Amino acid sequence: MSFRVEGEYFEACNCVVSCPCVFLAPATEETCTVFFAWHIERGEKDGVRLDGLNAALAVSSPKQMTDGGWTLALYLDERATPQQGEALGGIFSGQAGGHLANLGPLVGTVAGVSTAPIEFFSKDGVRRVRVGEVLGAEVEELKGMDGSSPAVITNAPLGAVTQPLRQGKSRNVRYSDHWTADISDRNAFLTEFVYEG
């Protein structure tokens, strides 16, 4: 069982910019609500091609994320064939190994794994995802002191990706499924991701 997927990624949470959770510190709010979105540009698992497919994850955790007890809901692209759906579920749940498997011990409850229409947009530092009627999120990359290059966090001790993160800000984030959230003008991170297992 082996896989490699790569593409575009972003996350948005309810922390005030910038999220201290990636530095193993408590969230700025009493709980952490965070949404992750992936667009696979190229990838496969055990010979099953996954190019062009999307996945999203909703997580609710205690103020200190490393305390565990996360509740999560995973959404898989409804365009996937049954074989592709199984591959996506294995990769983005961490069951197939790789980096996301390292987050498994922090999960307390899986609220659901479901398929949905997932639209992912990326252009000029703006990224958006829409997951059916349950999640809409839009983020924008922030510029650093030079006014043109992004502010970057490298080698963060905790994160859903190992690649350097560009600091962003959420424009609009709304979720209504296993719980509800309505946040904007909060933390966001963007990057290009590679997962292997």
Protein backbone atom coordinates (compact mmCIF):
# COMPACT_ATOMS: atom_id res chain seq x y z
CA MET A 1 0.00 0.00 0.00
CA SER A 2 1.65 3.23 -1.16
CA PHE A 3 0.55 6.69 -2.19
CA ARG A 4 1.77 10.13 -3.23
CA VAL A 5 -0.47 13.16 -3.65
CA GLU A 6 0.43 16.78 -4.21
CA GLY A 7 -1.44 19.99 -4.83
CA GLU A 8 -2.87 23.05 -3.12
CA TYR A 9 -3.92 23.41 0.50
CA PHE A 10 -5.35 25.93 2.90
CA GLU A 11 -6.78 26.05 6.39
CA ALA A 12 -8.84 28.60 8.27
CA CYS A 13 -9.54 28.73 11.99
CA ASN A 14 -11.15 30.89 14.64
CA CYS A 15 -7.84 32.07 16.12
CA VAL A 16 -6.79 35.68 15.78
CA VAL A 17 -3.90 35.92 13.31
CA SER A 18 -1.57 34.11 13.69
CA CYS A 19 -2.67 30.76 15.12
CA PRO A 20 -0.45 29.78 18.09
CA CYS A 21 -1.50 26.12 17.86
CA VAL A 22 1.22 25.46 15.26
CA PHE A 23 3.72 26.43 17.97
CA LEU A 24 2.08 24.04 20.51
CA ALA A 25 0.48 26.95 22.40
CA PRO A 26 -3.22 27.32 23.29
CA ALA A 27 -5.68 28.74 20.80
CA THR A 28 -6.65 32.38 21.20
CA GLU A 29 -10.29 31.36 21.78
CA GLU A 30 -11.76 28.92 24.30
CA THR A 31 -11.93 26.17 21.68
CA CYS A 32 -10.31 25.67 18.30
CA THR A 33 -12.47 25.37 15.21
CA VAL A 34 -10.45 24.75 12.05
CA PHE A 35 -11.23 23.78 8.47
CA PHE A 36 -8.79 22.19 6.03
CA ALA A 37 -9.11 21.95 2.24
CA TRP A 38 -6.98 20.05 -0.28
CA HIS A 39 -6.96 20.05 -4.08
CA ILE A 40 -4.96 17.20 -5.57
CA GLU A 41 -3.20 18.30 -8.75
CA ARG A 42 -1.36 15.00 -9.19
CA GLY A 43 -1.54 11.84 -7.20
CA GLU A 44 -2.25 8.16 -6.90
CA LYS A 45 -2.68 5.41 -4.37
CA ASP A 46 -1.86 1.84 -5.29
CA GLY A 47 -2.21 2.70 -8.97
CA VAL A 48 -5.53 4.56 -8.57
CA ARG A 49 -5.19 8.06 -10.04
CA LEU A 50 -6.54 10.92 -7.91
CA ASP A 51 -5.73 13.94 -10.12
CA GLY A 52 -8.21 16.80 -9.82
CA LEU A 53 -10.05 15.51 -6.76
CA ASN A 54 -10.68 17.41 -3.51
CA ALA A 55 -11.06 16.71 0.19
CA ALA A 56 -12.00 18.82 3.20
CA LEU A 57 -11.90 18.33 6.95
CA ALA A 58 -13.70 20.10 9.80
CA VAL A 59 -12.15 19.89 13.28
CA SER A 60 -13.29 21.07 16.69
CA SER A 61 -10.78 20.72 19.50
CA PRO A 62 -10.05 21.94 23.02
CA LYS A 63 -8.17 25.20 23.49
CA GLN A 64 -4.91 23.24 23.69
CA MET A 65 -4.97 21.12 20.54
CA THR A 66 -2.25 18.79 21.77
CA ASP A 67 -4.55 17.68 24.60
CA GLY A 68 -6.41 15.63 21.98
CA GLY A 69 -10.11 14.89 22.05
CA TRP A 70 -10.65 16.35 18.58
CA THR A 71 -14.01 15.94 16.88
CA LEU A 72 -13.70 15.78 13.13
CA ALA A 73 -15.77 15.37 9.99
CA LEU A 74 -14.16 14.36 6.69
CA TYR A 75 -15.66 15.25 3.31
CA LEU A 76 -14.60 13.48 0.11
CA ASP A 77 -15.17 14.58 -3.47
CA GLU A 78 -18.40 13.07 -4.78
CA ARG A 79 -16.89 12.85 -8.28
CA ALA A 80 -14.58 10.08 -7.09
CA THR A 81 -15.21 6.52 -8.22
CA PRO A 82 -15.62 3.95 -5.43
CA GLN A 83 -11.92 3.06 -5.75
CA GLN A 84 -10.89 6.71 -5.70
CA GLY A 85 -13.16 7.39 -2.74
CA GLU A 86 -11.58 4.58 -0.79
CA ALA A 87 -8.12 5.93 -1.62
CA LEU A 88 -9.07 9.50 -0.63
CA GLY A 89 -10.58 8.30 2.64
CA GLY A 90 -7.46 6.31 3.48
CA ILE A 91 -5.10 9.21 2.78
CA PHE A 92 -7.01 12.08 4.40
CA SER A 93 -8.11 10.10 7.45
CA GLY A 94 -4.50 9.05 8.05
CA GLN A 95 -5.40 5.36 7.84
CA ALA A 96 -3.07 4.93 4.86
CA GLY A 97 -0.10 6.21 6.88
CA GLY A 98 2.02 9.22 6.05
CA HIS A 99 2.04 12.55 7.85
CA LEU A 100 -1.68 12.70 8.62
CA ALA A 101 -1.42 9.42 10.53
CA ASN A 102 0.65 11.32 13.11
CA LEU A 103 -2.45 13.34 14.05
CA GLY A 104 -4.53 10.21 14.68
CA PRO A 105 -3.82 9.99 18.44
CA LEU A 106 -5.34 13.47 18.87
CA VAL A 107 -8.72 12.41 17.45
CA GLY A 108 -11.43 11.60 19.98
CA THR A 109 -14.58 11.42 17.84
CA VAL A 110 -15.20 10.98 14.13
CA ALA A 111 -18.51 12.77 13.59
CA GLY A 112 -18.76 11.59 10.02
CA VAL A 113 -17.11 10.67 6.73
CA SER A 114 -19.24 11.62 3.74
CA THR A 115 -19.12 12.47 0.06
CA ALA A 116 -20.15 15.89 -1.16
CA PRO A 117 -19.71 18.22 -4.13
CA ILE A 118 -16.45 20.02 -3.36
CA GLU A 119 -15.38 23.06 -5.37
CA PHE A 120 -11.82 24.37 -4.87
CA PHE A 121 -10.63 27.70 -6.30
CA SER A 122 -7.13 29.19 -6.26
CA LYS A 123 -5.86 32.35 -7.94
CA ASP A 124 -3.53 35.23 -7.05
CA GLY A 125 -3.23 34.39 -3.35
CA VAL A 126 -6.95 33.78 -2.86
CA ARG A 127 -8.31 30.31 -2.16
CA ARG A 128 -11.88 29.16 -1.69
CA VAL A 129 -13.65 25.91 -0.99
CA ARG A 130 -17.32 25.03 -1.04
CA VAL A 131 -18.48 21.72 0.34
CA GLY A 132 -22.09 21.28 -0.71
CA GLU A 133 -24.31 23.33 1.57
CA VAL A 134 -22.29 22.67 4.73
CA LEU A 135 -19.02 24.61 4.34
CA GLY A 136 -17.89 27.74 2.56
CA ALA A 137 -14.45 29.20 3.25
CA GLU A 138 -12.38 31.89 1.55
CA VAL A 139 -8.89 33.02 2.55
CA GLU A 140 -6.34 35.49 1.26
CA GLU A 141 -2.57 35.38 1.53
CA LEU A 142 -0.99 38.22 3.52
CA LYS A 143 2.06 40.11 2.31
CA GLY A 144 5.19 40.54 4.37
CA MET A 145 7.15 43.66 5.23
CA ASP A 146 8.34 44.11 1.64
CA GLY A 147 4.77 44.48 0.46
CA SER A 148 5.06 41.83 -2.24
CA SER A 149 6.26 38.51 -0.81
CA PRO A 150 4.16 36.46 1.60
CA ALA A 151 4.93 36.09 5.30
CA VAL A 152 6.10 32.49 5.77
CA ILE A 153 6.28 30.10 8.73
CA THR A 154 8.75 27.25 8.26
CA ASN A 155 9.32 24.16 10.36
CA ALA A 156 6.25 24.60 12.58
CA PRO A 157 6.09 21.90 15.29
CA LEU A 158 2.39 21.07 14.66
CA GLY A 159 0.43 21.13 11.46
CA ALA A 160 -1.51 19.21 8.86
CA VAL A 161 1.33 19.73 6.37
CA THR A 162 5.10 19.69 6.69
CA GLN A 163 5.72 22.30 3.99
CA PRO A 164 6.30 25.99 4.88
CA LEU A 165 3.03 27.85 5.53
CA ARG A 166 2.20 31.23 4.06
CA GLN A 167 0.27 33.42 6.49
CA GLY A 168 -3.19 34.36 5.39
CA LYS A 169 -6.42 35.80 6.70
CA SER A 170 -9.91 34.39 6.33
CA ARG A 171 -12.43 36.49 4.49
CA ASN A 172 -15.44 34.36 5.23
CA VAL A 173 -15.90 30.93 6.83
CA ARG A 174 -19.28 29.35 7.50
CA TYR A 175 -19.98 25.77 8.55
CA SER A 176 -23.23 24.07 9.45
CA ASP A 177 -23.29 20.31 9.75
CA HIS A 178 -22.09 18.44 12.84
CA TRP A 179 -21.72 21.80 14.60
CA THR A 180 -21.95 25.41 13.43
CA ALA A 181 -19.34 28.12 12.98
CA ASP A 182 -19.38 31.56 11.41
CA ILE A 183 -15.97 33.20 11.42
CA SER A 184 -14.19 35.75 9.29
CA ASP A 185 -11.17 38.04 9.55
CA ARG A 186 -9.31 35.33 11.43
CA ASN A 187 -6.27 33.12 10.88
CA ALA A 188 -5.52 31.24 7.67
CA PHE A 189 -2.54 29.36 6.25
CA LEU A 190 -1.89 28.47 2.60
CA THR A 191 0.68 26.25 0.95
CA GLU A 192 1.36 23.58 -1.64
CA PHE A 193 1.36 20.11 -0.08
CA VAL A 194 2.95 16.74 -0.70
CA TYR A 195 1.91 13.60 1.20
CA GLU A 196 3.54 10.22 0.79
CA GLY A 197 3.04 6.92 2.51
